[in-house]
Amino acid sequence: MGISCVILGVIGVILPVMPGTIFFIMAAYFFGRSSDKLESWLLSHPKYGPSIVNWRLYKSMSRAAKKAALTGMLVGFIFLMISPAGRIGKSCGTLFILSCAIYVYTRPEPPQ
């Protein structure tokens, strides 16, 4: 599961409409129960390690991470609105995106 999450995380880094960090957080969770070496590798990663550690310790997101996530959700919302999805699909998608955006926006920032 951890390796699958790392693969999805890498895909998320490449594709702007798919989150990457959340999959690295999930991978760290799985590696924490199966491989100390791989967990350590993720936690010490120069780019994603601090986000994973902040989430583990404080359930927090940096301001830059929030901006990136909310921007991605806005792009996804725009694509949803111009898609041929019906009224119900657009309504459900809007509610899902809005609830995710509220969750991300209300996460605390990590202590300095």
C-alpha atoms as a PDB file:
ATOM      1  CA  MET A   1       0.000   0.000   0.000  1.00  0.00           C
ATOM      2  CA  GLY A   2       2.839   2.372   0.832  1.00  0.00           C
ATOM      3  CA  ILE A   3       4.513   1.889  -2.532  1.00  0.00           C
ATOM      4  CA  SER A   4       1.177   2.342  -4.320  1.00  0.00           C
ATOM      5  CA  CYS A   5       0.665   5.624  -2.452  1.00  0.00           C
ATOM      6  CA  VAL A   6       4.170   6.804  -3.389  1.00  0.00           C
ATOM      7  CA  ILE A   7       3.405   6.061  -7.050  1.00  0.00           C
ATOM      8  CA  LEU A   8       0.124   8.006  -6.798  1.00  0.00           C
ATOM      9  CA  GLY A   9       1.986  10.822  -5.049  1.00  0.00           C
ATOM     10  CA  VAL A  10       4.509  11.038  -7.880  1.00  0.00           C
ATOM     11  CA  ILE A  11       1.654  11.126 -10.390  1.00  0.00           C
ATOM     12  CA  GLY A  12       0.095  13.896  -8.301  1.00  0.00           C
ATOM     13  CA  VAL A  13       3.321  15.893  -8.490  1.00  0.00           C
ATOM     14  CA  ILE A  14       3.246  15.641 -12.290  1.00  0.00           C
ATOM     15  CA  LEU A  15      -0.497  16.225 -12.855  1.00  0.00           C
ATOM     16  CA  PRO A  16      -1.767  19.584 -11.588  1.00  0.00           C
ATOM     17  CA  VAL A  17      -5.319  18.346 -10.955  1.00  0.00           C
ATOM     18  CA  MET A  18      -4.309  15.492  -8.648  1.00  0.00           C
ATOM     19  CA  PRO A  19      -2.924  16.046  -5.136  1.00  0.00           C
ATOM     20  CA  GLY A  20       0.458  14.531  -4.387  1.00  0.00           C
ATOM     21  CA  THR A  21       1.246  15.269  -0.751  1.00  0.00           C
ATOM     22  CA  ILE A  22      -1.776  13.454   0.659  1.00  0.00           C
ATOM     23  CA  PHE A  23      -0.567  10.251  -0.977  1.00  0.00           C
ATOM     24  CA  PHE A  24       2.890  10.741   0.555  1.00  0.00           C
ATOM     25  CA  ILE A  25       1.233  11.221   3.961  1.00  0.00           C
ATOM     26  CA  MET A  26      -0.686   7.978   3.447  1.00  0.00           C
ATOM     27  CA  ALA A  27       2.499   6.219   2.295  1.00  0.00           C
ATOM     28  CA  ALA A  28       4.278   7.344   5.477  1.00  0.00           C
ATOM     29  CA  TYR A  29       1.402   5.914   7.490  1.00  0.00           C
ATOM     30  CA  PHE A  30       1.673   2.543   5.765  1.00  0.00           C
ATOM     31  CA  PHE A  31       5.472   2.509   5.889  1.00  0.00           C
ATOM     32  CA  GLY A  32       5.276   3.335   9.617  1.00  0.00           C
ATOM     33  CA  ARG A  33       3.635  -0.046  10.053  1.00  0.00           C
ATOM     34  CA  SER A  34       5.774  -2.026   7.653  1.00  0.00           C
ATOM     35  CA  SER A  35       9.164  -0.493   6.814  1.00  0.00           C
ATOM     36  CA  ASP A  36      11.180   1.810   9.075  1.00  0.00           C
ATOM     37  CA  LYS A  37      13.636   2.413   6.250  1.00  0.00           C
ATOM     38  CA  LEU A  38      11.010   3.630   3.768  1.00  0.00           C
ATOM     39  CA  GLU A  39       9.223   5.663   6.442  1.00  0.00           C
ATOM     40  CA  SER A  40      12.508   7.358   7.345  1.00  0.00           C
ATOM     41  CA  TRP A  41      13.182   8.041   3.664  1.00  0.00           C
ATOM     42  CA  LEU A  42       9.815   9.798   3.283  1.00  0.00           C
ATOM     43  CA  LEU A  43      10.094  11.764   6.524  1.00  0.00           C
ATOM     44  CA  SER A  44      13.564  13.011   5.600  1.00  0.00           C
ATOM     45  CA  HIS A  45      12.666  13.880   2.005  1.00  0.00           C
ATOM     46  CA  PRO A  46      13.756  17.500   1.440  1.00  0.00           C
ATOM     47  CA  LYS A  47      10.555  18.591  -0.318  1.00  0.00           C
ATOM     48  CA  TYR A  48       7.763  16.427   1.128  1.00  0.00           C
ATOM     49  CA  GLY A  49       9.190  15.420   4.508  1.00  0.00           C
ATOM     50  CA  PRO A  50       8.318  18.671   6.316  1.00  0.00           C
ATOM     51  CA  SER A  51       4.691  18.511   5.131  1.00  0.00           C
ATOM     52  CA  ILE A  52       4.365  14.917   6.312  1.00  0.00           C
ATOM     53  CA  VAL A  53       5.934  15.695   9.693  1.00  0.00           C
ATOM     54  CA  ASN A  54       3.741  18.796  10.175  1.00  0.00           C
ATOM     55  CA  TRP A  55       0.651  16.755   9.388  1.00  0.00           C
ATOM     56  CA  ARG A  56       1.656  13.986  11.783  1.00  0.00           C
ATOM     57  CA  LEU A  57       2.502  16.303  14.648  1.00  0.00           C
ATOM     58  CA  TYR A  58       0.022  19.145  14.300  1.00  0.00           C
ATOM     59  CA  LYS A  59      -2.532  18.169  11.611  1.00  0.00           C
ATOM     60  CA  SER A  60      -1.408  21.394   9.946  1.00  0.00           C
ATOM     61  CA  MET A  61      -0.674  22.709   6.456  1.00  0.00           C
ATOM     62  CA  SER A  62       1.639  25.497   5.414  1.00  0.00           C
ATOM     63  CA  ARG A  63       0.131  28.570   3.815  1.00  0.00           C
ATOM     64  CA  ALA A  64       1.820  27.680   0.510  1.00  0.00           C
ATOM     65  CA  ALA A  65       0.333  24.165   0.621  1.00  0.00           C
ATOM     66  CA  LYS A  66      -3.111  25.606   1.301  1.00  0.00           C
ATOM     67  CA  LYS A  67      -2.781  28.017  -1.623  1.00  0.00           C
ATOM     68  CA  ALA A  68      -1.686  25.218  -3.946  1.00  0.00           C
ATOM     69  CA  ALA A  69      -4.514  22.927  -2.818  1.00  0.00           C
ATOM     70  CA  LEU A  70      -7.162  25.623  -3.073  1.00  0.00           C
ATOM     71  CA  THR A  71      -5.875  26.689  -6.493  1.00  0.00           C
ATOM     72  CA  GLY A  72      -6.071  23.084  -7.683  1.00  0.00           C
ATOM     73  CA  MET A  73      -9.619  22.835  -6.396  1.00  0.00           C
ATOM     74  CA  LEU A  74     -10.551  26.059  -8.181  1.00  0.00           C
ATOM     75  CA  VAL A  75      -9.148  24.689 -11.442  1.00  0.00           C
ATOM     76  CA  GLY A  76     -11.066  21.457 -10.896  1.00  0.00           C
ATOM     77  CA  PHE A  77     -14.235  23.438 -10.207  1.00  0.00           C
ATOM     78  CA  ILE A  78     -13.808  25.427 -13.421  1.00  0.00           C
ATOM     79  CA  PHE A  79     -13.379  22.218 -15.408  1.00  0.00           C
ATOM     80  CA  LEU A  80     -16.461  20.786 -13.704  1.00  0.00           C
ATOM     81  CA  MET A  81     -18.528  23.824 -14.646  1.00  0.00           C
ATOM     82  CA  ILE A  82     -17.540  23.674 -18.322  1.00  0.00           C
ATOM     83  CA  SER A  83     -17.954  19.896 -18.494  1.00  0.00           C
ATOM     84  CA  PRO A  84     -21.038  18.259 -20.000  1.00  0.00           C
ATOM     85  CA  ALA A  85     -22.007  16.870 -16.586  1.00  0.00           C
ATOM     86  CA  GLY A  86     -25.650  17.280 -15.719  1.00  0.00           C
ATOM     87  CA  ARG A  87     -27.096  19.488 -13.019  1.00  0.00           C
ATOM     88  CA  ILE A  88     -26.958  16.734 -10.387  1.00  0.00           C
ATOM     89  CA  GLY A  89     -23.345  15.874 -11.231  1.00  0.00           C
ATOM     90  CA  LYS A  90     -22.298  19.508 -11.087  1.00  0.00           C
ATOM     91  CA  SER A  91     -24.160  20.017  -7.810  1.00  0.00           C
ATOM     92  CA  CYS A  92     -22.576  16.967  -6.189  1.00  0.00           C
ATOM     93  CA  GLY A  93     -19.149  17.935  -7.509  1.00  0.00           C
ATOM     94  CA  THR A  94     -19.553  21.482  -6.246  1.00  0.00           C
ATOM     95  CA  LEU A  95     -20.541  20.269  -2.766  1.00  0.00           C
ATOM     96  CA  PHE A  96     -17.577  17.896  -2.671  1.00  0.00           C
ATOM     97  CA  ILE A  97     -15.074  20.531  -3.803  1.00  0.00           C
ATOM     98  CA  LEU A  98     -16.529  23.119  -1.432  1.00  0.00           C
ATOM     99  CA  SER A  99     -16.362  20.766   1.563  1.00  0.00           C
ATOM    100  CA  CYS A 100     -12.759  19.861   0.721  1.00  0.00           C
ATOM    101  CA  ALA A 101     -11.867  23.543   0.338  1.00  0.00           C
ATOM    102  CA  ILE A 102     -13.397  24.380   3.713  1.00  0.00           C
ATOM    103  CA  TYR A 103     -11.464  21.526   5.330  1.00  0.00           C
ATOM    104  CA  VAL A 104      -8.165  22.664   3.813  1.00  0.00           C
ATOM    105  CA  TYR A 105      -8.790  26.331   4.629  1.00  0.00           C
ATOM    106  CA  THR A 106      -9.549  25.575   8.289  1.00  0.00           C
ATOM    107  CA  ARG A 107      -6.391  23.514   8.913  1.00  0.00           C
ATOM    108  CA  PRO A 108      -3.996  25.353  11.227  1.00  0.00           C
ATOM    109  CA  GLU A 109      -0.594  26.477  10.032  1.00  0.00           C
ATOM    110  CA  PRO A 110       2.404  24.711  11.583  1.00  0.00           C
ATOM    111  CA  PRO A 111       4.212  26.475  14.428  1.00  0.00           C
ATOM    112  CA  GLN A 112       7.312  28.390  13.387  1.00  0.00           C
END
